[in-house]
PDB file of all heavy atoms in Angstrom:
ATOM      1  N   CYS A   1      -0.016 228.788 113.366  1.00  0.00           N
ATOM      2  CA  CYS A   1       1.358 229.371 113.265  1.00  0.00           C
ATOM      3  C   CYS A   1       1.964 228.745 111.920  1.00  0.00           C
ATOM      4  O   CYS A   1       1.603 227.579 111.597  1.00  0.00           O
ATOM      5  CB  CYS A   1       2.307 228.921 114.339  1.00  0.00           C
ATOM      6  SG  CYS A   1       1.753 229.562 115.903  1.00  0.00           S
ATOM      7  N   HIS A   2       2.745 229.392 111.250  1.00  0.00           N
ATOM      8  CA  HIS A   2       3.397 229.053 109.953  1.00  0.00           C
ATOM      9  C   HIS A   2       4.903 229.598 109.979  1.00  0.00           C
ATOM     10  O   HIS A   2       5.066 230.763 110.122  1.00  0.00           O
ATOM     11  CB  HIS A   2       2.597 229.407 108.685  1.00  0.00           C
ATOM     12  CG  HIS A   2       3.003 228.704 107.519  1.00  0.00           C
ATOM     13  ND1 HIS A   2       4.204 228.943 106.898  1.00  0.00           N
ATOM     14  CD2 HIS A   2       2.352 227.745 106.868  1.00  0.00           C
ATOM     15  CE1 HIS A   2       4.240 228.178 105.779  1.00  0.00           C
ATOM     16  NE2 HIS A   2       3.086 227.421 105.788  1.00  0.00           N
ATOM     17  N   PRO A   3       5.782 228.671 109.620  1.00  0.00           N
ATOM     18  CA  PRO A   3       7.202 229.082 109.634  1.00  0.00           C
ATOM     19  C   PRO A   3       7.604 230.101 108.562  1.00  0.00           C
ATOM     20  O   PRO A   3       8.659 230.692 108.812  1.00  0.00           O
ATOM     21  CB  PRO A   3       7.946 227.771 109.509  1.00  0.00           C
ATOM     22  CG  PRO A   3       6.998 226.844 108.830  1.00  0.00           C
ATOM     23  CD  PRO A   3       5.675 227.321 109.299  1.00  0.00           C
ATOM     24  N   GLU A   4       6.833 230.365 107.629  1.00  0.00           N
ATOM     25  CA  GLU A   4       7.199 231.295 106.577  1.00  0.00           C
ATOM     26  C   GLU A   4       6.781 232.746 106.926  1.00  0.00           C
ATOM     27  O   GLU A   4       7.220 233.707 106.235  1.00  0.00           O
ATOM     28  CB  GLU A   4       6.525 230.990 105.274  1.00  0.00           C
ATOM     29  CG  GLU A   4       7.068 229.715 104.590  1.00  0.00           C
ATOM     30  CD  GLU A   4       6.423 229.338 103.271  1.00  0.00           C
ATOM     31  OE1 GLU A   4       5.714 230.144 102.812  1.00  0.00           O
ATOM     32  OE2 GLU A   4       6.681 228.226 102.789  1.00  0.00           O
ATOM     33  N   PHE A   5       6.185 232.946 108.077  1.00  0.00           N
ATOM     34  CA  PHE A   5       5.791 234.244 108.586  1.00  0.00           C
ATOM     35  C   PHE A   5       6.548 234.657 109.861  1.00  0.00           C
ATOM     36  O   PHE A   5       7.175 233.828 110.513  1.00  0.00           O
ATOM     37  CB  PHE A   5       4.254 234.267 108.831  1.00  0.00           C
ATOM     38  CG  PHE A   5       3.482 234.158 107.628  1.00  0.00           C
ATOM     39  CD1 PHE A   5       3.093 232.825 107.134  1.00  0.00           C
ATOM     40  CD2 PHE A   5       3.022 235.237 106.926  1.00  0.00           C
ATOM     41  CE1 PHE A   5       2.316 232.650 105.969  1.00  0.00           C
ATOM     42  CE2 PHE A   5       2.259 235.081 105.745  1.00  0.00           C
ATOM     43  CZ  PHE A   5       1.893 233.854 105.301  1.00  0.00           C
ATOM     44  N   GLU A   6       6.581 235.932 110.039  1.00  0.00           N
ATOM     45  CA  GLU A   6       7.420 236.509 111.202  1.00  0.00           C
ATOM     46  C   GLU A   6       6.989 235.987 112.468  1.00  0.00           C
ATOM     47  O   GLU A   6       5.851 235.512 112.728  1.00  0.00           O
ATOM     48  CB  GLU A   6       7.274 238.006 111.144  1.00  0.00           C
ATOM     49  CG  GLU A   6       5.797 238.484 111.333  1.00  0.00           C
ATOM     50  CD  GLU A   6       5.724 240.043 111.091  1.00  0.00           C
ATOM     51  OE1 GLU A   6       6.247 240.521 110.179  1.00  0.00           O
ATOM     52  OE2 GLU A   6       4.833 240.549 111.790  1.00  0.00           O
ATOM     53  N   ASN A   7       7.932 235.979 113.427  1.00  0.00           N
ATOM     54  CA  ASN A   7       7.732 235.645 114.861  1.00  0.00           C
ATOM     55  C   ASN A   7       7.224 234.214 114.991  1.00  0.00           C
ATOM     56  O   ASN A   7       6.498 233.963 115.951  1.00  0.00           O
ATOM     57  CB  ASN A   7       6.888 236.551 115.518  1.00  0.00           C
ATOM     58  CG  ASN A   7       7.336 238.034 115.473  1.00  0.00           C
ATOM     59  OD1 ASN A   7       8.510 238.229 115.695  1.00  0.00           O
ATOM     60  ND2 ASN A   7       6.538 238.977 115.167  1.00  0.00           N
ATOM     61  N   TYR A   8       7.617 233.307 114.060  1.00  0.00           N
ATOM     62  CA  TYR A   8       7.109 231.880 114.152  1.00  0.00           C
ATOM     63  C   TYR A   8       7.421 231.223 115.486  1.00  0.00           C
ATOM     64  O   TYR A   8       6.566 230.677 116.160  1.00  0.00           O
ATOM     65  CB  TYR A   8       7.604 231.140 112.962  1.00  0.00           C
ATOM     66  CG  TYR A   8       7.298 229.682 113.141  1.00  0.00           C
ATOM     67  CD1 TYR A   8       6.038 229.216 112.879  1.00  0.00           C
ATOM     68  CD2 TYR A   8       8.243 228.781 113.534  1.00  0.00           C
ATOM     69  CE1 TYR A   8       5.733 227.906 112.972  1.00  0.00           C
ATOM     70  CE2 TYR A   8       7.948 227.381 113.630  1.00  0.00           C
ATOM     71  CZ  TYR A   8       6.604 226.967 113.344  1.00  0.00           C
ATOM     72  OH  TYR A   8       6.289 225.653 113.447  1.00  0.00           O
ATOM     73  N   ASP A   9       8.636 231.356 115.891  1.00  0.00           N
ATOM     74  CA  ASP A   9       8.982 230.610 117.169  1.00  0.00           C
ATOM     75  C   ASP A   9       8.413 231.143 118.329  1.00  0.00           C
ATOM     76  O   ASP A   9       7.977 230.359 119.185  1.00  0.00           O
ATOM     77  CB  ASP A   9      10.614 230.755 117.342  1.00  0.00           C
ATOM     78  CG  ASP A   9      11.376 229.874 116.281  1.00  0.00           C
ATOM     79  OD1 ASP A   9      10.901 228.802 115.859  1.00  0.00           O
ATOM     80  OD2 ASP A   9      12.524 230.275 116.007  1.00  0.00           O
ATOM     81  N   ALA A  10       8.243 232.491 118.470  1.00  0.00           N
ATOM     82  CA  ALA A  10       7.479 233.059 119.584  1.00  0.00           C
ATOM     83  C   ALA A  10       6.050 232.669 119.604  1.00  0.00           C
ATOM     84  O   ALA A  10       5.562 232.213 120.694  1.00  0.00           O
ATOM     85  CB  ALA A  10       7.631 234.627 119.457  1.00  0.00           C
ATOM     86  N   PHE A  11       5.293 232.692 118.447  1.00  0.00           N
ATOM     87  CA  PHE A  11       3.931 232.259 118.430  1.00  0.00           C
ATOM     88  C   PHE A  11       3.798 230.747 118.642  1.00  0.00           C
ATOM     89  O   PHE A  11       2.907 230.337 119.366  1.00  0.00           O
ATOM     90  CB  PHE A  11       3.294 232.708 117.098  1.00  0.00           C
ATOM     91  CG  PHE A  11       2.834 234.079 117.125  1.00  0.00           C
ATOM     92  CD1 PHE A  11       3.635 235.100 116.914  1.00  0.00           C
ATOM     93  CD2 PHE A  11       1.400 234.362 117.406  1.00  0.00           C
ATOM     94  CE1 PHE A  11       3.204 236.432 116.892  1.00  0.00           C
ATOM     95  CE2 PHE A  11       0.990 235.610 117.344  1.00  0.00           C
ATOM     96  CZ  PHE A  11       1.878 236.681 117.145  1.00  0.00           C
ATOM     97  N   ASN A  12       4.696 230.026 118.128  1.00  0.00           N
ATOM     98  CA  ASN A  12       4.565 228.577 118.129  1.00  0.00           C
ATOM     99  C   ASN A  12       4.839 227.916 119.543  1.00  0.00           C
ATOM    100  O   ASN A  12       4.432 226.894 119.891  1.00  0.00           O
ATOM    101  CB  ASN A  12       5.436 227.870 117.160  1.00  0.00           C
ATOM    102  CG  ASN A  12       5.065 226.477 116.740  1.00  0.00           C
ATOM    103  OD1 ASN A  12       3.909 226.171 116.556  1.00  0.00           O
ATOM    104  ND2 ASN A  12       5.966 225.582 116.770  1.00  0.00           N
ATOM    105  N   SER A  13       5.400 228.845 120.377  1.00  0.00           N
ATOM    106  CA  SER A  13       5.858 228.382 121.792  1.00  0.00           C
ATOM    107  C   SER A  13       4.694 228.779 122.749  1.00  0.00           C
ATOM    108  O   SER A  13       4.740 228.465 123.917  1.00  0.00           O
ATOM    109  CB  SER A  13       7.129 228.925 122.256  1.00  0.00           C
ATOM    110  OG  SER A  13       7.115 230.390 122.248  1.00  0.00           O
ATOM    111  N   MET A  14       3.725 229.647 122.259  1.00  0.00           N
ATOM    112  CA  MET A  14       2.566 230.047 123.109  1.00  0.00           C
ATOM    113  C   MET A  14       1.673 229.016 123.454  1.00  0.00           C
ATOM    114  O   MET A  14       1.550 228.024 122.760  1.00  0.00           O
ATOM    115  CB  MET A  14       1.790 231.189 122.464  1.00  0.00           C
ATOM    116  CG  MET A  14       2.613 232.437 122.268  1.00  0.00           C
ATOM    117  SD  MET A  14       1.654 233.736 121.397  1.00  0.00           S
ATOM    118  CE  MET A  14       2.751 235.013 121.234  1.00  0.00           C
ATOM    119  N   THR A  15       1.051 229.109 124.633  1.00  0.00           N
ATOM    120  CA  THR A  15      -0.043 228.136 124.986  1.00  0.00           C
ATOM    121  C   THR A  15      -1.297 228.292 123.974  1.00  0.00           C
ATOM    122  O   THR A  15      -1.473 229.308 123.410  1.00  0.00           O
ATOM    123  CB  THR A  15      -0.504 228.353 126.339  1.00  0.00           C
ATOM    124  OG1 THR A  15      -1.290 229.559 126.465  1.00  0.00           O
ATOM    125  CG2 THR A  15       0.520 228.270 127.362  1.00  0.00           C
ATOM    126  N   HIS A  16      -2.056 227.272 123.978  1.00  0.00           N
ATOM    127  CA  HIS A  16      -3.244 227.258 123.105  1.00  0.00           C
ATOM    128  C   HIS A  16      -4.190 228.363 123.600  1.00  0.00           C
ATOM    129  O   HIS A  16      -4.870 229.047 122.843  1.00  0.00           O
ATOM    130  CB  HIS A  16      -4.019 225.934 123.049  1.00  0.00           C
ATOM    131  CG  HIS A  16      -3.251 224.925 122.199  1.00  0.00           C
ATOM    132  ND1 HIS A  16      -2.520 223.963 122.712  1.00  0.00           N
ATOM    133  CD2 HIS A  16      -3.195 224.811 120.845  1.00  0.00           C
ATOM    134  CE1 HIS A  16      -2.006 223.224 121.689  1.00  0.00           C
ATOM    135  NE2 HIS A  16      -2.337 223.772 120.583  1.00  0.00           N
ATOM    136  N   GLU A  17      -4.288 228.536 124.931  1.00  0.00           N
ATOM    137  CA  GLU A  17      -5.103 229.662 125.447  1.00  0.00           C
ATOM    138  C   GLU A  17      -4.661 230.929 125.039  1.00  0.00           C
ATOM    139  O   GLU A  17      -5.618 231.831 124.604  1.00  0.00           O
ATOM    140  CB  GLU A  17      -5.034 229.517 127.015  1.00  0.00           C
ATOM    141  CG  GLU A  17      -6.152 230.497 127.623  1.00  0.00           C
ATOM    142  CD  GLU A  17      -6.357 230.346 129.151  1.00  0.00           C
ATOM    143  OE1 GLU A  17      -5.862 229.290 129.679  1.00  0.00           O
ATOM    144  OE2 GLU A  17      -6.917 231.193 129.701  1.00  0.00           O
ATOM    145  N   THR A  18      -3.323 231.235 125.000  1.00  0.00           N
ATOM    146  CA  THR A  18      -2.771 232.506 124.554  1.00  0.00           C
ATOM    147  C   THR A  18      -3.160 232.688 123.068  1.00  0.00           C
ATOM    148  O   THR A  18      -3.596 233.753 122.614  1.00  0.00           O
ATOM    149  CB  THR A  18      -1.354 232.610 124.782  1.00  0.00           C
ATOM    150  OG1 THR A  18      -1.089 232.560 126.202  1.00  0.00           O
ATOM    151  CG2 THR A  18      -0.785 233.997 124.258  1.00  0.00           C
ATOM    152  N   LEU A  19      -3.013 231.655 122.295  1.00  0.00           N
ATOM    153  CA  LEU A  19      -3.315 231.745 120.898  1.00  0.00           C
ATOM    154  C   LEU A  19      -4.815 231.941 120.604  1.00  0.00           C
ATOM    155  O   LEU A  19      -5.151 232.797 119.787  1.00  0.00           O
ATOM    156  CB  LEU A  19      -2.892 230.418 120.161  1.00  0.00           C
ATOM    157  CG  LEU A  19      -1.372 230.206 119.996  1.00  0.00           C
ATOM    158  CD1 LEU A  19      -1.132 228.844 119.383  1.00  0.00           C
ATOM    159  CD2 LEU A  19      -0.718 231.360 119.131  1.00  0.00           C
ATOM    160  N   PHE A  20      -5.638 231.334 121.452  1.00  0.00           N
ATOM    161  CA  PHE A  20      -7.085 231.535 121.375  1.00  0.00           C
ATOM    162  C   PHE A  20      -7.457 233.007 121.615  1.00  0.00           C
ATOM    163  O   PHE A  20      -8.186 233.639 120.911  1.00  0.00           O
ATOM    164  CB  PHE A  20      -7.819 230.716 122.432  1.00  0.00           C
ATOM    165  CG  PHE A  20      -9.241 231.040 122.646  1.00  0.00           C
ATOM    166  CD1 PHE A  20     -10.182 230.952 121.620  1.00  0.00           C
ATOM    167  CD2 PHE A  20      -9.666 231.682 123.854  1.00  0.00           C
ATOM    168  CE1 PHE A  20     -11.494 231.288 121.790  1.00  0.00           C
ATOM    169  CE2 PHE A  20     -11.041 231.956 123.999  1.00  0.00           C
ATOM    170  CZ  PHE A  20     -11.881 231.819 123.014  1.00  0.00           C
ATOM    171  N   ASN A  21      -6.800 233.646 122.564  1.00  0.00           N
ATOM    172  CA  ASN A  21      -7.122 235.117 122.879  1.00  0.00           C
ATOM    173  C   ASN A  21      -6.648 235.966 121.769  1.00  0.00           C
ATOM    174  O   ASN A  21      -7.351 236.947 121.404  1.00  0.00           O
ATOM    175  CB  ASN A  21      -6.430 235.481 124.153  1.00  0.00           C
ATOM    176  CG  ASN A  21      -7.139 234.839 125.455  1.00  0.00           C
ATOM    177  OD1 ASN A  21      -8.355 234.709 125.409  1.00  0.00           O
ATOM    178  ND2 ASN A  21      -6.259 234.483 126.435  1.00  0.00           N
ATOM    179  N   ILE A  22      -5.522 235.732 121.104  1.00  0.00           N
ATOM    180  CA  ILE A  22      -5.078 236.418 119.964  1.00  0.00           C
ATOM    181  C   ILE A  22      -6.020 236.234 118.770  1.00  0.00           C
ATOM    182  O   ILE A  22      -6.432 237.178 118.125  1.00  0.00           O
ATOM    183  CB  ILE A  22      -3.606 236.064 119.630  1.00  0.00           C
ATOM    184  CG1 ILE A  22      -2.689 236.511 120.695  1.00  0.00           C
ATOM    185  CG2 ILE A  22      -3.186 236.681 118.294  1.00  0.00           C
ATOM    186  CD1 ILE A  22      -1.227 235.907 120.613  1.00  0.00           C
ATOM    187  N   ALA A  23      -6.361 235.038 118.604  1.00  0.00           N
ATOM    188  CA  ALA A  23      -7.227 234.683 117.435  1.00  0.00           C
ATOM    189  C   ALA A  23      -8.630 235.314 117.588  1.00  0.00           C
ATOM    190  O   ALA A  23      -9.272 235.764 116.626  1.00  0.00           O
ATOM    191  CB  ALA A  23      -7.403 233.110 117.275  1.00  0.00           C
ATOM    192  N   LEU A  24      -9.091 235.366 118.866  1.00  0.00           N
ATOM    193  CA  LEU A  24     -10.317 235.934 119.184  1.00  0.00           C
ATOM    194  C   LEU A  24     -10.324 237.407 118.820  1.00  0.00           C
ATOM    195  O   LEU A  24     -11.365 237.995 118.176  1.00  0.00           O
ATOM    196  CB  LEU A  24     -10.724 235.647 120.667  1.00  0.00           C
ATOM    197  CG  LEU A  24     -12.183 235.800 121.015  1.00  0.00           C
ATOM    198  CD1 LEU A  24     -13.042 234.775 120.249  1.00  0.00           C
ATOM    199  CD2 LEU A  24     -12.344 235.561 122.495  1.00  0.00           C
ATOM    200  N   LYS A  25      -9.269 238.050 119.060  1.00  0.00           N
ATOM    201  CA  LYS A  25      -9.117 239.529 118.845  1.00  0.00           C
ATOM    202  C   LYS A  25      -9.133 239.747 117.349  1.00  0.00           C
ATOM    203  O   LYS A  25      -9.742 240.639 116.794  1.00  0.00           O
ATOM    204  CB  LYS A  25      -7.853 240.113 119.500  1.00  0.00           C
ATOM    205  CG  LYS A  25      -8.049 240.264 121.004  1.00  0.00           C
ATOM    206  CD  LYS A  25      -6.659 240.757 121.545  1.00  0.00           C
ATOM    207  CE  LYS A  25      -6.835 240.784 123.130  1.00  0.00           C
ATOM    208  NZ  LYS A  25      -5.545 241.195 123.750  1.00  0.00           N
ATOM    209  N   LYS A  26      -8.340 238.863 116.580  1.00  0.00           N
ATOM    210  CA  LYS A  26      -8.322 238.941 115.166  1.00  0.00           C
ATOM    211  C   LYS A  26      -9.645 238.776 114.585  1.00  0.00           C
ATOM    212  O   LYS A  26     -10.081 239.398 113.567  1.00  0.00           O
ATOM    213  CB  LYS A  26      -7.286 237.921 114.566  1.00  0.00           C
ATOM    214  CG  LYS A  26      -5.842 238.342 114.839  1.00  0.00           C
ATOM    215  CD  LYS A  26      -4.887 237.312 114.235  1.00  0.00           C
ATOM    216  CE  LYS A  26      -3.417 237.771 114.388  1.00  0.00           C
ATOM    217  NZ  LYS A  26      -2.811 238.176 113.158  1.00  0.00           N
ATOM    218  N   LEU A  27     -10.460 237.769 115.041  1.00  0.00           N
ATOM    219  CA  LEU A  27     -11.724 237.469 114.565  1.00  0.00           C
ATOM    220  C   LEU A  27     -12.713 238.644 114.835  1.00  0.00           C
ATOM    221  O   LEU A  27     -13.484 239.012 113.876  1.00  0.00           O
ATOM    222  CB  LEU A  27     -12.268 236.262 115.259  1.00  0.00           C
ATOM    223  CG  LEU A  27     -13.615 235.612 114.825  1.00  0.00           C
ATOM    224  CD1 LEU A  27     -13.495 235.116 113.379  1.00  0.00           C
ATOM    225  CD2 LEU A  27     -13.987 234.514 115.663  1.00  0.00           C
ATOM    226  N   ALA A  28     -12.654 239.289 115.942  1.00  0.00           N
ATOM    227  CA  ALA A  28     -13.479 240.344 116.288  1.00  0.00           C
ATOM    228  C   ALA A  28     -13.154 241.675 115.560  1.00  0.00           C
ATOM    229  O   ALA A  28     -14.021 242.565 115.507  1.00  0.00           O
ATOM    230  CB  ALA A  28     -13.442 240.554 117.840  1.00  0.00           C
ATOM    231  N   SER A  29     -11.886 241.699 115.070  1.00  0.00           N
ATOM    232  CA  SER A  29     -11.406 242.941 114.325  1.00  0.00           C
ATOM    233  C   SER A  29     -12.188 243.208 113.050  1.00  0.00           C
ATOM    234  O   SER A  29     -12.219 244.298 112.574  1.00  0.00           O
ATOM    235  CB  SER A  29      -9.931 242.770 114.028  1.00  0.00           C
ATOM    236  OG  SER A  29      -9.695 241.961 112.894  1.00  0.00           O
ATOM    237  N   GLY A  30     -12.835 242.177 112.620  1.00  0.00           N
ATOM    238  CA  GLY A  30     -13.606 242.294 111.257  1.00  0.00           C
ATOM    239  C   GLY A  30     -12.783 242.199 110.047  1.00  0.00           C
ATOM    240  O   GLY A  30     -13.288 242.176 108.935  1.00  0.00           O
ATOM    241  N   VAL A  31     -11.435 242.030 110.023  1.00  0.00           N
ATOM    242  CA  VAL A  31     -10.614 242.013 108.921  1.00  0.00           C
ATOM    243  C   VAL A  31     -10.910 240.798 108.102  1.00  0.00           C
ATOM    244  O   VAL A  31     -10.856 240.804 106.842  1.00  0.00           O
ATOM    245  CB  VAL A  31      -9.052 241.946 109.332  1.00  0.00           C
ATOM    246  CG1 VAL A  31      -8.144 241.682 108.207  1.00  0.00           C
ATOM    247  CG2 VAL A  31      -8.761 243.176 110.039  1.00  0.00           C
ATOM    248  N   HIS A  32     -11.308 239.613 108.662  1.00  0.00           N
ATOM    249  CA  HIS A  32     -11.550 238.452 107.999  1.00  0.00           C
ATOM    250  C   HIS A  32     -13.006 238.114 107.802  1.00  0.00           C
ATOM    251  O   HIS A  32     -13.298 237.028 107.283  1.00  0.00           O
ATOM    252  CB  HIS A  32     -10.770 237.221 108.573  1.00  0.00           C
ATOM    253  CG  HIS A  32      -9.385 237.524 108.897  1.00  0.00           C
ATOM    254  ND1 HIS A  32      -8.418 237.553 107.864  1.00  0.00           N
ATOM    255  CD2 HIS A  32      -8.639 237.725 110.026  1.00  0.00           C
ATOM    256  CE1 HIS A  32      -7.226 237.782 108.348  1.00  0.00           C
ATOM    257  NE2 HIS A  32      -7.362 237.868 109.657  1.00  0.00           N
ATOM    258  N   THR A  33     -13.867 238.941 108.136  1.00  0.00           N
ATOM    259  CA  THR A  33     -15.347 238.755 108.076  1.00  0.00           C
ATOM    260  C   THR A  33     -15.775 238.145 106.840  1.00  0.00           C
ATOM    261  O   THR A  33     -16.530 237.077 106.761  1.00  0.00           O
ATOM    262  CB  THR A  33     -16.154 239.958 108.642  1.00  0.00           C
ATOM    263  OG1 THR A  33     -15.725 240.269 109.989  1.00  0.00           O
ATOM    264  CG2 THR A  33     -17.562 239.624 108.553  1.00  0.00           C
ATOM    265  N   GLU A  34     -15.557 238.843 105.709  1.00  0.00           N
ATOM    266  CA  GLU A  34     -15.985 238.503 104.413  1.00  0.00           C
ATOM    267  C   GLU A  34     -15.517 237.101 103.970  1.00  0.00           C
ATOM    268  O   GLU A  34     -16.264 236.316 103.496  1.00  0.00           O
ATOM    269  CB  GLU A  34     -15.629 239.487 103.403  1.00  0.00           C
ATOM    270  CG  GLU A  34     -16.486 240.809 103.450  1.00  0.00           C
ATOM    271  CD  GLU A  34     -16.127 241.733 102.345  1.00  0.00           C
ATOM    272  OE1 GLU A  34     -15.953 241.304 101.185  1.00  0.00           O
ATOM    273  OE2 GLU A  34     -16.108 242.966 102.602  1.00  0.00           O
ATOM    274  N   SER A  35     -14.209 236.894 104.220  1.00  0.00           N
ATOM    275  CA  SER A  35     -13.567 235.526 103.823  1.00  0.00           C
ATOM    276  C   SER A  35     -14.196 234.499 104.680  1.00  0.00           C
ATOM    277  O   SER A  35     -14.505 233.342 104.137  1.00  0.00           O
ATOM    278  CB  SER A  35     -12.099 235.635 104.032  1.00  0.00           C
ATOM    279  OG  SER A  35     -11.543 236.604 103.256  1.00  0.00           O
ATOM    280  N   ILE A  36     -14.462 234.644 105.927  1.00  0.00           N
ATOM    281  CA  ILE A  36     -15.029 233.616 106.837  1.00  0.00           C
ATOM    282  C   ILE A  36     -16.429 233.298 106.407  1.00  0.00           C
ATOM    283  O   ILE A  36     -16.834 232.139 106.224  1.00  0.00           O
ATOM    284  CB  ILE A  36     -15.011 234.014 108.212  1.00  0.00           C
ATOM    285  CG1 ILE A  36     -13.493 234.112 108.751  1.00  0.00           C
ATOM    286  CG2 ILE A  36     -15.826 233.186 109.166  1.00  0.00           C
ATOM    287  CD1 ILE A  36     -13.354 234.784 110.167  1.00  0.00           C
ATOM    288  N   LEU A  37     -17.265 234.389 106.123  1.00  0.00           N
ATOM    289  CA  LEU A  37     -18.619 234.178 105.690  1.00  0.00           C
ATOM    290  C   LEU A  37     -18.709 233.488 104.340  1.00  0.00           C
ATOM    291  O   LEU A  37     -19.550 232.529 104.114  1.00  0.00           O
ATOM    292  CB  LEU A  37     -19.426 235.447 105.655  1.00  0.00           C
ATOM    293  CG  LEU A  37     -19.629 236.176 107.059  1.00  0.00           C
ATOM    294  CD1 LEU A  37     -20.238 237.547 106.774  1.00  0.00           C
ATOM    295  CD2 LEU A  37     -20.468 235.316 107.860  1.00  0.00           C
ATOM    296  N   GLU A  38     -17.829 233.870 103.440  1.00  0.00           N
ATOM    297  CA  GLU A  38     -17.838 233.118 102.116  1.00  0.00           C
ATOM    298  C   GLU A  38     -17.434 231.680 102.221  1.00  0.00           C
ATOM    299  O   GLU A  38     -18.072 230.782 101.634  1.00  0.00           O
ATOM    300  CB  GLU A  38     -16.798 233.831 101.082  1.00  0.00           C
ATOM    301  CG  GLU A  38     -16.926 233.317  99.817  1.00  0.00           C
ATOM    302  CD  GLU A  38     -15.975 234.042  98.867  1.00  0.00           C
ATOM    303  OE1 GLU A  38     -15.411 235.240  99.127  1.00  0.00           O
ATOM    304  OE2 GLU A  38     -15.743 233.511  97.736  1.00  0.00           O
ATOM    305  N   ALA A  39     -16.406 231.394 103.018  1.00  0.00           N
ATOM    306  CA  ALA A  39     -16.025 229.983 103.197  1.00  0.00           C
ATOM    307  C   ALA A  39     -17.229 229.198 103.892  1.00  0.00           C
ATOM    308  O   ALA A  39     -17.481 228.095 103.497  1.00  0.00           O
ATOM    309  CB  ALA A  39     -14.753 229.952 103.975  1.00  0.00           C
ATOM    310  N   SER A  40     -17.755 229.839 104.912  1.00  0.00           N
ATOM    311  CA  SER A  40     -18.865 229.176 105.661  1.00  0.00           C
ATOM    312  C   SER A  40     -20.110 228.881 104.750  1.00  0.00           C
ATOM    313  O   SER A  40     -20.715 227.854 104.964  1.00  0.00           O
ATOM    314  CB  SER A  40     -19.210 230.091 106.821  1.00  0.00           C
ATOM    315  OG  SER A  40     -18.084 230.225 107.691  1.00  0.00           O
TER     316      SER A  40
END
């Protein structure tokens, strides 16, 4: 979570498990695949 982006308070108050489920969906979406592979 980062305060300069929308819905910060809502996301920052979520449990780690909820954040994990959201992050897993973002990861599976393929949007960040190239960036993740390049960094890795």
